[in-house]
Amino acid sequence: MLMVAEIIITFILMLPLYGLLIWSYFEPEESILWGKRWMYKEEPELSSGVIRYTKIASLVTMIFMTVMFFVLILINIL
């Protein structure tokens, strides 16, 4: 029973992080500048490399989190 509770709690705690990563993937400019706009007088121009890096990092992190979640489930089943 404890194992099922761990899986459910882990899933619930991962949901906000997944939401943040999905937002970061689809809106990389907004996520990069989130909380930093006050530092600039004008809207900064982000390079395509930074945008590409943010999208790839978000995607890789989502894949890694999903794999680790399924590994947790498999370890608890065995």
C-alpha atoms as a PDB file:
ATOM      1  CA  MET A   1       0.000   0.000   0.000  1.00  0.00           C
ATOM      2  CA  LEU A   2       2.864   2.354   0.776  1.00  0.00           C
ATOM      3  CA  MET A   3       4.283   1.891  -2.706  1.00  0.00           C
ATOM      4  CA  VAL A   4       1.028   2.949  -4.346  1.00  0.00           C
ATOM      5  CA  ALA A   5       0.905   6.041  -2.148  1.00  0.00           C
ATOM      6  CA  GLU A   6       4.467   6.954  -3.170  1.00  0.00           C
ATOM      7  CA  ILE A   7       3.583   6.653  -6.847  1.00  0.00           C
ATOM      8  CA  ILE A   8       0.443   8.778  -6.458  1.00  0.00           C
ATOM      9  CA  ILE A   9       2.262  11.483  -4.481  1.00  0.00           C
ATOM     10  CA  THR A  10       5.111  11.519  -6.994  1.00  0.00           C
ATOM     11  CA  PHE A  11       2.640  11.868  -9.865  1.00  0.00           C
ATOM     12  CA  ILE A  12       0.795  14.704  -8.146  1.00  0.00           C
ATOM     13  CA  LEU A  13       4.035  16.554  -7.406  1.00  0.00           C
ATOM     14  CA  MET A  14       5.233  16.098 -10.994  1.00  0.00           C
ATOM     15  CA  LEU A  15       2.135  17.692 -12.560  1.00  0.00           C
ATOM     16  CA  PRO A  16       3.098  21.348 -11.894  1.00  0.00           C
ATOM     17  CA  LEU A  17       6.607  20.686 -13.176  1.00  0.00           C
ATOM     18  CA  TYR A  18       5.202  19.108 -16.341  1.00  0.00           C
ATOM     19  CA  GLY A  19       2.981  22.164 -16.779  1.00  0.00           C
ATOM     20  CA  LEU A  20       5.948  24.469 -16.428  1.00  0.00           C
ATOM     21  CA  LEU A  21       7.987  22.436 -18.907  1.00  0.00           C
ATOM     22  CA  ILE A  22       5.150  22.334 -21.452  1.00  0.00           C
ATOM     23  CA  TRP A  23       4.727  26.105 -21.129  1.00  0.00           C
ATOM     24  CA  SER A  24       8.485  26.522 -21.512  1.00  0.00           C
ATOM     25  CA  TYR A  25       8.444  24.374 -24.658  1.00  0.00           C
ATOM     26  CA  PHE A  26       5.584  26.213 -26.368  1.00  0.00           C
ATOM     27  CA  GLU A  27       6.441  29.735 -25.125  1.00  0.00           C
ATOM     28  CA  PRO A  28      10.250  29.769 -24.730  1.00  0.00           C
ATOM     29  CA  GLU A  29      10.565  33.565 -25.005  1.00  0.00           C
ATOM     30  CA  GLU A  30       8.042  34.119 -22.215  1.00  0.00           C
ATOM     31  CA  SER A  31       9.577  31.492 -19.966  1.00  0.00           C
ATOM     32  CA  ILE A  32      13.110  32.840 -20.416  1.00  0.00           C
ATOM     33  CA  LEU A  33      12.052  36.395 -19.556  1.00  0.00           C
ATOM     34  CA  TRP A  34       9.673  35.405 -16.742  1.00  0.00           C
ATOM     35  CA  GLY A  35      10.570  37.555 -13.740  1.00  0.00           C
ATOM     36  CA  LYS A  36      13.331  39.396 -15.594  1.00  0.00           C
ATOM     37  CA  ARG A  37      11.460  41.894 -17.743  1.00  0.00           C
ATOM     38  CA  TRP A  38      11.958  44.658 -15.177  1.00  0.00           C
ATOM     39  CA  MET A  39      15.681  44.603 -15.962  1.00  0.00           C
ATOM     40  CA  TYR A  40      15.174  45.882 -19.510  1.00  0.00           C
ATOM     41  CA  LYS A  41      13.830  49.172 -20.780  1.00  0.00           C
ATOM     42  CA  GLU A  42      12.866  47.632 -24.126  1.00  0.00           C
ATOM     43  CA  GLU A  43      11.847  44.139 -25.098  1.00  0.00           C
ATOM     44  CA  PRO A  44      15.090  42.122 -25.474  1.00  0.00           C
ATOM     45  CA  GLU A  45      15.683  40.068 -28.591  1.00  0.00           C
ATOM     46  CA  LEU A  46      16.574  36.469 -27.834  1.00  0.00           C
ATOM     47  CA  SER A  47      18.780  34.527 -30.220  1.00  0.00           C
ATOM     48  CA  SER A  48      17.430  31.485 -31.998  1.00  0.00           C
ATOM     49  CA  GLY A  49      20.064  29.370 -30.248  1.00  0.00           C
ATOM     50  CA  VAL A  50      18.740  30.296 -26.808  1.00  0.00           C
ATOM     51  CA  ILE A  51      15.181  29.565 -27.890  1.00  0.00           C
ATOM     52  CA  ARG A  52      16.221  26.227 -29.417  1.00  0.00           C
ATOM     53  CA  TYR A  53      18.178  25.322 -26.272  1.00  0.00           C
ATOM     54  CA  THR A  54      15.184  26.092 -24.046  1.00  0.00           C
ATOM     55  CA  LYS A  55      12.875  23.954 -26.168  1.00  0.00           C
ATOM     56  CA  ILE A  56      15.309  21.027 -26.286  1.00  0.00           C
ATOM     57  CA  ALA A  57      16.029  21.240 -22.541  1.00  0.00           C
ATOM     58  CA  SER A  58      12.298  21.229 -21.783  1.00  0.00           C
ATOM     59  CA  LEU A  59      11.668  18.259 -24.052  1.00  0.00           C
ATOM     60  CA  VAL A  60      14.601  16.242 -22.691  1.00  0.00           C
ATOM     61  CA  THR A  61      13.561  16.965 -19.109  1.00  0.00           C
ATOM     62  CA  MET A  62       9.986  15.843 -19.802  1.00  0.00           C
ATOM     63  CA  ILE A  63      11.235  12.605 -21.387  1.00  0.00           C
ATOM     64  CA  PHE A  64      13.663  11.983 -18.522  1.00  0.00           C
ATOM     65  CA  MET A  65      10.961  12.594 -15.890  1.00  0.00           C
ATOM     66  CA  THR A  66       8.573  10.223 -17.656  1.00  0.00           C
ATOM     67  CA  VAL A  67      11.194   7.485 -17.884  1.00  0.00           C
ATOM     68  CA  MET A  68      12.124   7.914 -14.222  1.00  0.00           C
ATOM     69  CA  PHE A  69       8.458   7.752 -13.211  1.00  0.00           C
ATOM     70  CA  PHE A  70       7.996   4.456 -15.054  1.00  0.00           C
ATOM     71  CA  VAL A  71      11.226   3.120 -13.541  1.00  0.00           C
ATOM     72  CA  LEU A  72       9.813   3.974 -10.103  1.00  0.00           C
ATOM     73  CA  ILE A  73       6.659   2.068 -10.933  1.00  0.00           C
ATOM     74  CA  LEU A  74       8.597  -0.947 -12.233  1.00  0.00           C
ATOM     75  CA  ILE A  75      10.865  -1.027  -9.182  1.00  0.00           C
ATOM     76  CA  ASN A  76       7.844  -1.001  -6.890  1.00  0.00           C
ATOM     77  CA  ILE A  77       6.106  -3.748  -8.857  1.00  0.00           C
ATOM     78  CA  LEU A  78       9.118  -6.060  -8.762  1.00  0.00           C
END
